[in-house]
Amino acid sequence: VVAAMPTLVLAAARGSPGRWLARPFAVLGAASYAVYVLANTVDQWVETLLPWRTVDAGFGVATATAMVAGLVALALAADRWIDAPVRAALTIAWRRRSVGQDYHSAATPLR
C-alpha cells in the first residue's frame, strides 16, 4: 500500500485514463464515498466473524484481499441501489423546486 498509492497518484496525475479505463474509474469514483462510509463497518464484521484476525494482530494477505474485495463490492451495490436513486430523486426535486424561483426560495427545505 505504501508503494502502490503514490504510484497510482503519480500515474493518475500524468493524464487522463485511456478509453478502456475511463468507465471503471468513473464507477469506482462514484462508489468511493460508499467505501469511506462502509470501511469501518466491514472491518467490524470481519473482526466479529474472524475474532482471531484483528487489525491489531494483523490481517493475512488472503483476509485483507477478501475484505477489500467485499468492501468494494458492497460499495458498488450501495452506490447502484441506494445512492444513485436517491441522488436522481433529489436532483429532480431540486430542479422542480428551483425552476422560476429566486435563490432563497429554492434553498428552502423540500416538503
PDB file of N, CA and C in Angstrom:
ATOM      1  N   VAL A   1       0.830  -1.188   0.000  1.00  0.00           N
ATOM      2  CA  VAL A   1       0.000   0.000   0.000  1.00  0.00           C
ATOM      3  C   VAL A   1       0.870   1.246   0.000  1.00  0.00           C
ATOM      4  N   VAL A   2       1.949   1.218   0.775  1.00  0.00           N
ATOM      5  CA  VAL A   2       2.824   2.379   0.876  1.00  0.00           C
ATOM      6  C   VAL A   2       3.438   2.712  -0.479  1.00  0.00           C
ATOM      7  N   ALA A   3       3.820   1.713  -1.242  1.00  0.00           N
ATOM      8  CA  ALA A   3       4.401   1.956  -2.563  1.00  0.00           C
ATOM      9  C   ALA A   3       3.329   2.105  -3.636  1.00  0.00           C
ATOM     10  N   ALA A   4       2.232   1.401  -3.497  1.00  0.00           N
ATOM     11  CA  ALA A   4       1.214   1.387  -4.543  1.00  0.00           C
ATOM     12  C   ALA A   4       0.448   2.709  -4.624  1.00  0.00           C
ATOM     13  N   MET A   5       0.108   3.304  -3.506  1.00  0.00           N
ATOM     14  CA  MET A   5      -0.709   4.511  -3.530  1.00  0.00           C
ATOM     15  C   MET A   5       0.002   5.685  -4.208  1.00  0.00           C
ATOM     16  N   PRO A   6       1.248   6.010  -3.840  1.00  0.00           N
ATOM     17  CA  PRO A   6       1.919   7.103  -4.560  1.00  0.00           C
ATOM     18  C   PRO A   6       2.097   6.805  -6.051  1.00  0.00           C
ATOM     19  N   THR A   7       2.311   5.554  -6.400  1.00  0.00           N
ATOM     20  CA  THR A   7       2.444   5.180  -7.805  1.00  0.00           C
ATOM     21  C   THR A   7       1.139   5.420  -8.549  1.00  0.00           C
ATOM     22  N   LEU A   8       0.014   5.048  -7.934  1.00  0.00           N
ATOM     23  CA  LEU A   8      -1.292   5.290  -8.547  1.00  0.00           C
ATOM     24  C   LEU A   8      -1.588   6.781  -8.679  1.00  0.00           C
ATOM     25  N   VAL A   9      -1.253   7.562  -7.671  1.00  0.00           N
ATOM     26  CA  VAL A   9      -1.484   9.004  -7.721  1.00  0.00           C
ATOM     27  C   VAL A   9      -0.632   9.631  -8.821  1.00  0.00           C
ATOM     28  N   LEU A  10       0.624   9.217  -8.925  1.00  0.00           N
ATOM     29  CA  LEU A  10       1.508   9.742  -9.963  1.00  0.00           C
ATOM     30  C   LEU A  10       0.989   9.377 -11.350  1.00  0.00           C
ATOM     31  N   ALA A  11       0.556   8.135 -11.521  1.00  0.00           N
ATOM     32  CA  ALA A  11       0.024   7.699 -12.813  1.00  0.00           C
ATOM     33  C   ALA A  11      -1.243   8.479 -13.166  1.00  0.00           C
ATOM     34  N   ALA A  12      -2.081   8.726 -12.187  1.00  0.00           N
ATOM     35  CA  ALA A  12      -3.322   9.463 -12.440  1.00  0.00           C
ATOM     36  C   ALA A  12      -3.042  10.926 -12.763  1.00  0.00           C
ATOM     37  N   ALA A  13      -2.015  11.493 -12.164  1.00  0.00           N
ATOM     38  CA  ALA A  13      -1.686  12.895 -12.386  1.00  0.00           C
ATOM     39  C   ALA A  13      -1.065  13.141 -13.758  1.00  0.00           C
ATOM     40  N   ARG A  14      -0.534  12.107 -14.376  1.00  0.00           N
ATOM     41  CA  ARG A  14       0.143  12.269 -15.667  1.00  0.00           C
ATOM     42  C   ARG A  14      -0.818  12.505 -16.819  1.00  0.00           C
ATOM     43  N   GLY A  15      -2.073  12.225 -16.654  1.00  0.00           N
ATOM     44  CA  GLY A  15      -3.023  12.461 -17.737  1.00  0.00           C
ATOM     45  C   GLY A  15      -4.324  11.748 -17.485  1.00  0.00           C
ATOM     46  N   SER A  16      -5.185  11.808 -18.474  1.00  0.00           N
ATOM     47  CA  SER A  16      -6.476  11.146 -18.334  1.00  0.00           C
ATOM     48  C   SER A  16      -6.345   9.669 -18.695  1.00  0.00           C
ATOM     49  N   PRO A  17      -7.226   8.831 -18.159  1.00  0.00           N
ATOM     50  CA  PRO A  17      -7.139   7.406 -18.462  1.00  0.00           C
ATOM     51  C   PRO A  17      -7.537   7.137 -19.912  1.00  0.00           C
ATOM     52  N   GLY A  18      -7.069   6.036 -20.434  1.00  0.00           N
ATOM     53  CA  GLY A  18      -7.462   5.655 -21.780  1.00  0.00           C
ATOM     54  C   GLY A  18      -8.947   5.346 -21.826  1.00  0.00           C
ATOM     55  N   ARG A  19      -9.445   5.182 -23.026  1.00  0.00           N
ATOM     56  CA  ARG A  19     -10.882   4.926 -23.179  1.00  0.00           C
ATOM     57  C   ARG A  19     -11.327   3.685 -22.416  1.00  0.00           C
ATOM     58  N   TRP A  20     -10.505   2.674 -22.381  1.00  0.00           N
ATOM     59  CA  TRP A  20     -10.898   1.427 -21.737  1.00  0.00           C
ATOM     60  C   TRP A  20     -10.852   1.523 -20.214  1.00  0.00           C
ATOM     61  N   LEU A  21     -10.185   2.527 -19.654  1.00  0.00           N
ATOM     62  CA  LEU A  21     -10.147   2.699 -18.203  1.00  0.00           C
ATOM     63  C   LEU A  21     -11.104   3.778 -17.703  1.00  0.00           C
ATOM     64  N   ALA A  22     -11.626   4.597 -18.594  1.00  0.00           N
ATOM     65  CA  ALA A  22     -12.462   5.719 -18.169  1.00  0.00           C
ATOM     66  C   ALA A  22     -13.712   5.245 -17.418  1.00  0.00           C
ATOM     67  N   ARG A  23     -14.396   4.258 -17.941  1.00  0.00           N
ATOM     68  CA  ARG A  23     -15.633   3.768 -17.306  1.00  0.00           C
ATOM     69  C   ARG A  23     -15.371   3.134 -15.935  1.00  0.00           C
ATOM     70  N   PRO A  24     -14.378   2.205 -15.806  1.00  0.00           N
ATOM     71  CA  PRO A  24     -14.118   1.649 -14.466  1.00  0.00           C
ATOM     72  C   PRO A  24     -13.717   2.721 -13.451  1.00  0.00           C
ATOM     73  N   PHE A  25     -12.919   3.706 -13.877  1.00  0.00           N
ATOM     74  CA  PHE A  25     -12.532   4.776 -12.955  1.00  0.00           C
ATOM     75  C   PHE A  25     -13.745   5.605 -12.539  1.00  0.00           C
ATOM     76  N   ALA A  26     -14.646   5.865 -13.463  1.00  0.00           N
ATOM     77  CA  ALA A  26     -15.852   6.632 -13.136  1.00  0.00           C
ATOM     78  C   ALA A  26     -16.725   5.869 -12.139  1.00  0.00           C
ATOM     79  N   VAL A  27     -16.869   4.571 -12.348  1.00  0.00           N
ATOM     80  CA  VAL A  27     -17.682   3.744 -11.445  1.00  0.00           C
ATOM     81  C   VAL A  27     -17.046   3.690 -10.058  1.00  0.00           C
ATOM     82  N   LEU A  28     -15.742   3.455  -9.998  1.00  0.00           N
ATOM     83  CA  LEU A  28     -15.066   3.408  -8.697  1.00  0.00           C
ATOM     84  C   LEU A  28     -15.073   4.772  -8.020  1.00  0.00           C
ATOM     85  N   GLY A  29     -14.969   5.837  -8.807  1.00  0.00           N
ATOM     86  CA  GLY A  29     -15.041   7.182  -8.235  1.00  0.00           C
ATOM     87  C   GLY A  29     -16.398   7.453  -7.619  1.00  0.00           C
ATOM     88  N   ALA A  30     -17.446   7.017  -8.289  1.00  0.00           N
ATOM     89  CA  ALA A  30     -18.802   7.205  -7.760  1.00  0.00           C
ATOM     90  C   ALA A  30     -19.009   6.407  -6.477  1.00  0.00           C
ATOM     91  N   ALA A  31     -18.368   5.251  -6.382  1.00  0.00           N
ATOM     92  CA  ALA A  31     -18.529   4.390  -5.203  1.00  0.00           C
ATOM     93  C   ALA A  31     -17.538   4.730  -4.088  1.00  0.00           C
ATOM     94  N   SER A  32     -16.641   5.679  -4.308  1.00  0.00           N
ATOM     95  CA  SER A  32     -15.589   5.946  -3.325  1.00  0.00           C
ATOM     96  C   SER A  32     -16.149   6.441  -1.994  1.00  0.00           C
ATOM     97  N   TYR A  33     -17.208   7.238  -2.013  1.00  0.00           N
ATOM     98  CA  TYR A  33     -17.786   7.701  -0.751  1.00  0.00           C
ATOM     99  C   TYR A  33     -18.374   6.523   0.024  1.00  0.00           C
ATOM    100  N   ALA A  34     -19.017   5.609  -0.683  1.00  0.00           N
ATOM    101  CA  ALA A  34     -19.564   4.422  -0.012  1.00  0.00           C
ATOM    102  C   ALA A  34     -18.440   3.588   0.601  1.00  0.00           C
ATOM    103  N   VAL A  35     -17.299   3.508  -0.070  1.00  0.00           N
ATOM    104  CA  VAL A  35     -16.144   2.800   0.504  1.00  0.00           C
ATOM    105  C   VAL A  35     -15.743   3.472   1.811  1.00  0.00           C
ATOM    106  N   TYR A  36     -15.662   4.782   1.801  1.00  0.00           N
ATOM    107  CA  TYR A  36     -15.302   5.543   3.001  1.00  0.00           C
ATOM    108  C   TYR A  36     -16.291   5.284   4.136  1.00  0.00           C
ATOM    109  N   VAL A  37     -17.580   5.325   3.818  1.00  0.00           N
ATOM    110  CA  VAL A  37     -18.619   5.165   4.840  1.00  0.00           C
ATOM    111  C   VAL A  37     -18.663   3.735   5.382  1.00  0.00           C
ATOM    112  N   LEU A  38     -18.463   2.746   4.513  1.00  0.00           N
ATOM    113  CA  LEU A  38     -18.628   1.344   4.904  1.00  0.00           C
ATOM    114  C   LEU A  38     -17.364   0.673   5.432  1.00  0.00           C
ATOM    115  N   ALA A  39     -16.211   1.297   5.286  1.00  0.00           N
ATOM    116  CA  ALA A  39     -14.942   0.641   5.643  1.00  0.00           C
ATOM    117  C   ALA A  39     -14.905   0.173   7.096  1.00  0.00           C
ATOM    118  N   ASN A  40     -15.295   1.023   8.021  1.00  0.00           N
ATOM    119  CA  ASN A  40     -15.257   0.649   9.433  1.00  0.00           C
ATOM    120  C   ASN A  40     -16.241  -0.478   9.736  1.00  0.00           C
ATOM    121  N   THR A  41     -17.410  -0.434   9.107  1.00  0.00           N
ATOM    122  CA  THR A  41     -18.412  -1.478   9.330  1.00  0.00           C
ATOM    123  C   THR A  41     -17.911  -2.830   8.838  1.00  0.00           C
ATOM    124  N   VAL A  42     -17.322  -2.859   7.654  1.00  0.00           N
ATOM    125  CA  VAL A  42     -16.786  -4.113   7.119  1.00  0.00           C
ATOM    126  C   VAL A  42     -15.661  -4.627   8.013  1.00  0.00           C
ATOM    127  N   ASP A  43     -14.818  -3.727   8.497  1.00  0.00           N
ATOM    128  CA  ASP A  43     -13.742  -4.123   9.414  1.00  0.00           C
ATOM    129  C   ASP A  43     -14.317  -4.754  10.681  1.00  0.00           C
ATOM    130  N   GLN A  44     -15.383  -4.172  11.221  1.00  0.00           N
ATOM    131  CA  GLN A  44     -16.003  -4.731  12.424  1.00  0.00           C
ATOM    132  C   GLN A  44     -16.638  -6.086  12.143  1.00  0.00           C
ATOM    133  N   TRP A  45     -17.257  -6.237  10.957  1.00  0.00           N
ATOM    134  CA  TRP A  45     -17.823  -7.539  10.586  1.00  0.00           C
ATOM    135  C   TRP A  45     -16.739  -8.604  10.522  1.00  0.00           C
ATOM    136  N   VAL A  46     -15.602  -8.265   9.924  1.00  0.00           N
ATOM    137  CA  VAL A  46     -14.504  -9.233   9.813  1.00  0.00           C
ATOM    138  C   VAL A  46     -13.993  -9.595  11.202  1.00  0.00           C
ATOM    139  N   GLU A  47     -13.849  -8.618  12.064  1.00  0.00           N
ATOM    140  CA  GLU A  47     -13.377  -8.901  13.417  1.00  0.00           C
ATOM    141  C   GLU A  47     -14.384  -9.742  14.208  1.00  0.00           C
ATOM    142  N   THR A  48     -15.679  -9.559  13.941  1.00  0.00           N
ATOM    143  CA  THR A  48     -16.703 -10.351  14.620  1.00  0.00           C
ATOM    144  C   THR A  48     -16.725 -11.780  14.087  1.00  0.00           C
ATOM    145  N   LEU A  49     -16.665 -11.924  12.774  1.00  0.00           N
ATOM    146  CA  LEU A  49     -16.724 -13.248  12.162  1.00  0.00           C
ATOM    147  C   LEU A  49     -15.422 -14.027  12.324  1.00  0.00           C
ATOM    148  N   LEU A  50     -14.308 -13.312  12.333  1.00  0.00           N
ATOM    149  CA  LEU A  50     -12.994 -13.949  12.473  1.00  0.00           C
ATOM    150  C   LEU A  50     -12.245 -13.292  13.632  1.00  0.00           C
ATOM    151  N   PRO A  51     -12.619 -13.601  14.868  1.00  0.00           N
ATOM    152  CA  PRO A  51     -12.035 -12.885  16.018  1.00  0.00           C
ATOM    153  C   PRO A  51     -10.522 -13.033  16.143  1.00  0.00           C
ATOM    154  N   TRP A  52      -9.950 -14.068  15.581  1.00  0.00           N
ATOM    155  CA  TRP A  52      -8.501 -14.242  15.648  1.00  0.00           C
ATOM    156  C   TRP A  52      -7.787 -13.370  14.609  1.00  0.00           C
ATOM    157  N   ARG A  53      -8.537 -12.777  13.694  1.00  0.00           N
ATOM    158  CA  ARG A  53      -7.986 -11.904  12.652  1.00  0.00           C
ATOM    159  C   ARG A  53      -8.395 -10.463  12.942  1.00  0.00           C
ATOM    160  N   THR A  54      -7.670  -9.781  13.784  1.00  0.00           N
ATOM    161  CA  THR A  54      -7.999  -8.400  14.107  1.00  0.00           C
ATOM    162  C   THR A  54      -6.971  -7.470  13.482  1.00  0.00           C
ATOM    163  N   VAL A  55      -7.304  -6.196  13.430  1.00  0.00           N
ATOM    164  CA  VAL A  55      -6.371  -5.212  12.901  1.00  0.00           C
ATOM    165  C   VAL A  55      -5.111  -5.189  13.755  1.00  0.00           C
ATOM    166  N   ASP A  56      -5.274  -5.306  15.081  1.00  0.00           N
ATOM    167  CA  ASP A  56      -4.118  -5.270  15.972  1.00  0.00           C
ATOM    168  C   ASP A  56      -3.190  -6.459  15.740  1.00  0.00           C
ATOM    169  N   ALA A  57      -3.768  -7.630  15.486  1.00  0.00           N
ATOM    170  CA  ALA A  57      -2.961  -8.828  15.265  1.00  0.00           C
ATOM    171  C   ALA A  57      -2.430  -8.869  13.840  1.00  0.00           C
ATOM    172  N   GLY A  58      -3.013  -8.110  12.966  1.00  0.00           N
ATOM    173  CA  GLY A  58      -2.582  -8.079  11.573  1.00  0.00           C
ATOM    174  C   GLY A  58      -3.372  -9.068  10.731  1.00  0.00           C
ATOM    175  N   PHE A  59      -3.936  -8.570   9.665  1.00  0.00           N
ATOM    176  CA  PHE A  59      -4.640  -9.436   8.740  1.00  0.00           C
ATOM    177  C   PHE A  59      -3.636 -10.145   7.865  1.00  0.00           C
ATOM    178  N   GLY A  60      -3.949 -11.374   7.487  1.00  0.00           N
ATOM    179  CA  GLY A  60      -3.158 -12.050   6.485  1.00  0.00           C
ATOM    180  C   GLY A  60      -3.500 -11.479   5.114  1.00  0.00           C
ATOM    181  N   VAL A  61      -2.698 -11.799   4.138  1.00  0.00           N
ATOM    182  CA  VAL A  61      -2.923 -11.283   2.792  1.00  0.00           C
ATOM    183  C   VAL A  61      -4.278 -11.737   2.261  1.00  0.00           C
ATOM    184  N   ALA A  62      -4.627 -12.989   2.468  1.00  0.00           N
ATOM    185  CA  ALA A  62      -5.897 -13.510   1.965  1.00  0.00           C
ATOM    186  C   ALA A  62      -7.081 -12.819   2.632  1.00  0.00           C
ATOM    187  N   THR A  63      -7.022 -12.621   3.944  1.00  0.00           N
ATOM    188  CA  THR A  63      -8.104 -11.961   4.667  1.00  0.00           C
ATOM    189  C   THR A  63      -8.239 -10.505   4.229  1.00  0.00           C
ATOM    190  N   ALA A  64      -7.112  -9.813   4.108  1.00  0.00           N
ATOM    191  CA  ALA A  64      -7.150  -8.412   3.693  1.00  0.00           C
ATOM    192  C   ALA A  64      -7.673  -8.274   2.270  1.00  0.00           C
ATOM    193  N   THR A  65      -7.262  -9.167   1.382  1.00  0.00           N
ATOM    194  CA  THR A  65      -7.734  -9.123  -0.002  1.00  0.00           C
ATOM    195  C   THR A  65      -9.232  -9.381  -0.070  1.00  0.00           C
ATOM    196  N   ALA A  66      -9.695 -10.368   0.669  1.00  0.00           N
ATOM    197  CA  ALA A  66     -11.134 -10.665   0.701  1.00  0.00           C
ATOM    198  C   ALA A  66     -11.915  -9.503   1.305  1.00  0.00           C
ATOM    199  N   MET A  67     -11.366  -8.875   2.328  1.00  0.00           N
ATOM    200  CA  MET A  67     -12.034  -7.757   2.970  1.00  0.00           C
ATOM    201  C   MET A  67     -12.157  -6.575   2.004  1.00  0.00           C
ATOM    202  N   VAL A  68     -11.092  -6.255   1.296  1.00  0.00           N
ATOM    203  CA  VAL A  68     -11.131  -5.140   0.344  1.00  0.00           C
ATOM    204  C   VAL A  68     -12.081  -5.460  -0.806  1.00  0.00           C
ATOM    205  N   ALA A  69     -12.032  -6.684  -1.319  1.00  0.00           N
ATOM    206  CA  ALA A  69     -12.933  -7.074  -2.412  1.00  0.00           C
ATOM    207  C   ALA A  69     -14.390  -7.004  -1.959  1.00  0.00           C
ATOM    208  N   GLY A  70     -14.683  -7.478  -0.759  1.00  0.00           N
ATOM    209  CA  GLY A  70     -16.035  -7.400  -0.219  1.00  0.00           C
ATOM    210  C   GLY A  70     -16.481  -5.962   0.003  1.00  0.00           C
ATOM    211  N   LEU A  71     -15.569  -5.135   0.487  1.00  0.00           N
ATOM    212  CA  LEU A  71     -15.879  -3.724   0.711  1.00  0.00           C
ATOM    213  C   LEU A  71     -16.202  -3.023  -0.600  1.00  0.00           C
ATOM    214  N   VAL A  72     -15.409  -3.252  -1.631  1.00  0.00           N
ATOM    215  CA  VAL A  72     -15.656  -2.623  -2.926  1.00  0.00           C
ATOM    216  C   VAL A  72     -16.969  -3.124  -3.525  1.00  0.00           C
ATOM    217  N   ALA A  73     -17.226  -4.425  -3.420  1.00  0.00           N
ATOM    218  CA  ALA A  73     -18.484  -4.975  -3.943  1.00  0.00           C
ATOM    219  C   ALA A  73     -19.681  -4.380  -3.209  1.00  0.00           C
ATOM    220  N   LEU A  74     -19.603  -4.281  -1.903  1.00  0.00           N
ATOM    221  CA  LEU A  74     -20.682  -3.683  -1.110  1.00  0.00           C
ATOM    222  C   LEU A  74     -20.867  -2.205  -1.460  1.00  0.00           C
ATOM    223  N   ALA A  75     -19.769  -1.489  -1.647  1.00  0.00           N
ATOM    224  CA  ALA A  75     -19.844  -0.071  -2.008  1.00  0.00           C
ATOM    225  C   ALA A  75     -20.458   0.118  -3.392  1.00  0.00           C
ATOM    226  N   LEU A  76     -20.099  -0.739  -4.348  1.00  0.00           N
ATOM    227  CA  LEU A  76     -20.687  -0.658  -5.688  1.00  0.00           C
ATOM    228  C   LEU A  76     -22.194  -0.930  -5.631  1.00  0.00           C
ATOM    229  N   ALA A  77     -22.598  -1.914  -4.834  1.00  0.00           N
ATOM    230  CA  ALA A  77     -24.029  -2.215  -4.686  1.00  0.00           C
ATOM    231  C   ALA A  77     -24.753  -1.051  -4.016  1.00  0.00           C
ATOM    232  N   ALA A  78     -24.160  -0.481  -2.977  1.00  0.00           N
ATOM    233  CA  ALA A  78     -24.786   0.660  -2.292  1.00  0.00           C
ATOM    234  C   ALA A  78     -24.915   1.848  -3.228  1.00  0.00           C
ATOM    235  N   ASP A  79     -23.901   2.075  -4.060  1.00  0.00           N
ATOM    236  CA  ASP A  79     -23.984   3.189  -5.000  1.00  0.00           C
ATOM    237  C   ASP A  79     -25.090   2.959  -6.025  1.00  0.00           C
ATOM    238  N   ARG A  80     -25.175   1.756  -6.530  1.00  0.00           N
ATOM    239  CA  ARG A  80     -26.168   1.478  -7.582  1.00  0.00           C
ATOM    240  C   ARG A  80     -27.597   1.488  -7.056  1.00  0.00           C
ATOM    241  N   TRP A  81     -27.833   0.840  -5.926  1.00  0.00           N
ATOM    242  CA  TRP A  81     -29.216   0.647  -5.474  1.00  0.00           C
ATOM    243  C   TRP A  81     -29.681   1.622  -4.390  1.00  0.00           C
ATOM    244  N   ILE A  82     -28.771   2.382  -3.820  1.00  0.00           N
ATOM    245  CA  ILE A  82     -29.172   3.345  -2.795  1.00  0.00           C
ATOM    246  C   ILE A  82     -28.782   4.766  -3.209  1.00  0.00           C
ATOM    247  N   ASP A  83     -27.484   5.015  -3.364  1.00  0.00           N
ATOM    248  CA  ASP A  83     -27.011   6.371  -3.631  1.00  0.00           C
ATOM    249  C   ASP A  83     -27.522   6.941  -4.953  1.00  0.00           C
ATOM    250  N   ALA A  84     -27.391   6.216  -6.042  1.00  0.00           N
ATOM    251  CA  ALA A  84     -27.787   6.739  -7.356  1.00  0.00           C
ATOM    252  C   ALA A  84     -29.284   7.067  -7.421  1.00  0.00           C
ATOM    253  N   PRO A  85     -30.176   6.180  -6.953  1.00  0.00           N
ATOM    254  CA  PRO A  85     -31.599   6.550  -6.976  1.00  0.00           C
ATOM    255  C   PRO A  85     -31.925   7.760  -6.089  1.00  0.00           C
ATOM    256  N   VAL A  86     -31.271   7.851  -4.950  1.00  0.00           N
ATOM    257  CA  VAL A  86     -31.521   8.993  -4.070  1.00  0.00           C
ATOM    258  C   VAL A  86     -31.009  10.277  -4.716  1.00  0.00           C
ATOM    259  N   ARG A  87     -29.803  10.232  -5.294  1.00  0.00           N
ATOM    260  CA  ARG A  87     -29.278  11.411  -5.990  1.00  0.00           C
ATOM    261  C   ARG A  87     -30.199  11.833  -7.128  1.00  0.00           C
ATOM    262  N   ALA A  88     -30.691  10.871  -7.901  1.00  0.00           N
ATOM    263  CA  ALA A  88     -31.590  11.188  -9.023  1.00  0.00           C
ATOM    264  C   ALA A  88     -32.882  11.828  -8.523  1.00  0.00           C
ATOM    265  N   ALA A  89     -33.473  11.275  -7.490  1.00  0.00           N
ATOM    266  CA  ALA A  89     -34.713  11.824  -6.942  1.00  0.00           C
ATOM    267  C   ALA A  89     -34.500  13.224  -6.383  1.00  0.00           C
ATOM    268  N   LEU A  90     -33.402  13.431  -5.684  1.00  0.00           N
ATOM    269  CA  LEU A  90     -33.118  14.761  -5.140  1.00  0.00           C
ATOM    270  C   LEU A  90     -32.848  15.771  -6.246  1.00  0.00           C
ATOM    271  N   THR A  91     -32.174  15.352  -7.296  1.00  0.00           N
ATOM    272  CA  THR A  91     -31.908  16.248  -8.424  1.00  0.00           C
ATOM    273  C   THR A  91     -33.213  16.669  -9.084  1.00  0.00           C
ATOM    274  N   ILE A  92     -34.100  15.717  -9.323  1.00  0.00           N
ATOM    275  CA  ILE A  92     -35.396  16.034  -9.928  1.00  0.00           C
ATOM    276  C   ILE A  92     -36.194  16.973  -9.029  1.00  0.00           C
ATOM    277  N   ALA A  93     -36.240  16.665  -7.745  1.00  0.00           N
ATOM    278  CA  ALA A  93     -36.983  17.511  -6.801  1.00  0.00           C
ATOM    279  C   ALA A  93     -36.377  18.912  -6.734  1.00  0.00           C
ATOM    280  N   TRP A  94     -35.076  18.999  -6.723  1.00  0.00           N
ATOM    281  CA  TRP A  94     -34.402  20.296  -6.648  1.00  0.00           C
ATOM    282  C   TRP A  94     -34.685  21.115  -7.905  1.00  0.00           C
ATOM    283  N   ARG A  95     -34.627  20.462  -9.069  1.00  0.00           N
ATOM    284  CA  ARG A  95     -34.891  21.184 -10.321  1.00  0.00           C
ATOM    285  C   ARG A  95     -36.338  21.660 -10.393  1.00  0.00           C
ATOM    286  N   ARG A  96     -37.266  20.824  -9.983  1.00  0.00           N
ATOM    287  CA  ARG A  96     -38.676  21.225  -9.980  1.00  0.00           C
ATOM    288  C   ARG A  96     -38.893  22.409  -9.053  1.00  0.00           C
ATOM    289  N   ARG A  97     -38.268  22.330  -7.922  1.00  0.00           N
ATOM    290  CA  ARG A  97     -38.453  23.355  -6.894  1.00  0.00           C
ATOM    291  C   ARG A  97     -37.811  24.668  -7.295  1.00  0.00           C
ATOM    292  N   SER A  98     -36.672  24.625  -7.991  1.00  0.00           N
ATOM    293  CA  SER A  98     -35.922  25.841  -8.262  1.00  0.00           C
ATOM    294  C   SER A  98     -36.259  26.497  -9.591  1.00  0.00           C
ATOM    295  N   VAL A  99     -37.038  25.855 -10.433  1.00  0.00           N
ATOM    296  CA  VAL A  99     -37.404  26.462 -11.716  1.00  0.00           C
ATOM    297  C   VAL A  99     -38.276  27.682 -11.456  1.00  0.00           C
ATOM    298  N   GLY A 100     -37.819  28.833 -11.951  1.00  0.00           N
ATOM    299  CA  GLY A 100     -38.593  30.055 -11.827  1.00  0.00           C
ATOM    300  C   GLY A 100     -38.582  30.685 -10.453  1.00  0.00           C
ATOM    301  N   GLN A 101     -37.742  30.214  -9.554  1.00  0.00           N
ATOM    302  CA  GLN A 101     -37.697  30.791  -8.210  1.00  0.00           C
ATOM    303  C   GLN A 101     -36.335  31.434  -7.988  1.00  0.00           C
ATOM    304  N   ASP A 102     -36.298  32.419  -7.100  1.00  0.00           N
ATOM    305  CA  ASP A 102     -35.006  33.016  -6.794  1.00  0.00           C
ATOM    306  C   ASP A 102     -34.211  32.100  -5.869  1.00  0.00           C
ATOM    307  N   TYR A 103     -32.984  32.470  -5.583  1.00  0.00           N
ATOM    308  CA  TYR A 103     -32.083  31.619  -4.812  1.00  0.00           C
ATOM    309  C   TYR A 103     -32.644  31.273  -3.441  1.00  0.00           C
ATOM    310  N   HIS A 104     -33.171  32.239  -2.734  1.00  0.00           N
ATOM    311  CA  HIS A 104     -33.616  31.987  -1.353  1.00  0.00           C
ATOM    312  C   HIS A 104     -34.821  31.045  -1.299  1.00  0.00           C
ATOM    313  N   SER A 105     -35.752  31.192  -2.213  1.00  0.00           N
ATOM    314  CA  SER A 105     -36.911  30.303  -2.172  1.00  0.00           C
ATOM    315  C   SER A 105     -36.540  28.904  -2.645  1.00  0.00           C
ATOM    316  N   ALA A 106     -35.536  28.771  -3.535  1.00  0.00           N
ATOM    317  CA  ALA A 106     -35.100  27.452  -3.996  1.00  0.00           C
ATOM    318  C   ALA A 106     -34.311  26.728  -2.915  1.00  0.00           C
ATOM    319  N   ALA A 107     -33.736  27.487  -1.974  1.00  0.00           N
ATOM    320  CA  ALA A 107     -32.904  26.871  -0.947  1.00  0.00           C
ATOM    321  C   ALA A 107     -33.705  26.421   0.260  1.00  0.00           C
ATOM    322  N   THR A 108     -34.998  26.631   0.259  1.00  0.00           N
ATOM    323  CA  THR A 108     -35.802  26.183   1.401  1.00  0.00           C
ATOM    324  C   THR A 108     -35.917  24.667   1.382  1.00  0.00           C
ATOM    325  N   PRO A 109     -36.077  24.029   2.507  1.00  0.00           N
ATOM    326  CA  PRO A 109     -36.165  22.570   2.558  1.00  0.00           C
ATOM    327  C   PRO A 109     -37.343  22.041   1.757  1.00  0.00           C
ATOM    328  N   LEU A 110     -37.148  20.840   1.193  1.00  0.00           N
ATOM    329  CA  LEU A 110     -38.224  20.199   0.445  1.00  0.00           C
ATOM    330  C   LEU A 110     -39.274  19.662   1.412  1.00  0.00           C
ATOM    331  N   ARG A 111     -40.527  19.694   1.016  1.00  0.00           N
ATOM    332  CA  ARG A 111     -41.584  19.185   1.884  1.00  0.00           C
ATOM    333  C   ARG A 111     -42.155  17.923   1.306  1.00  0.00           C
TER     334      ARG A 111
END
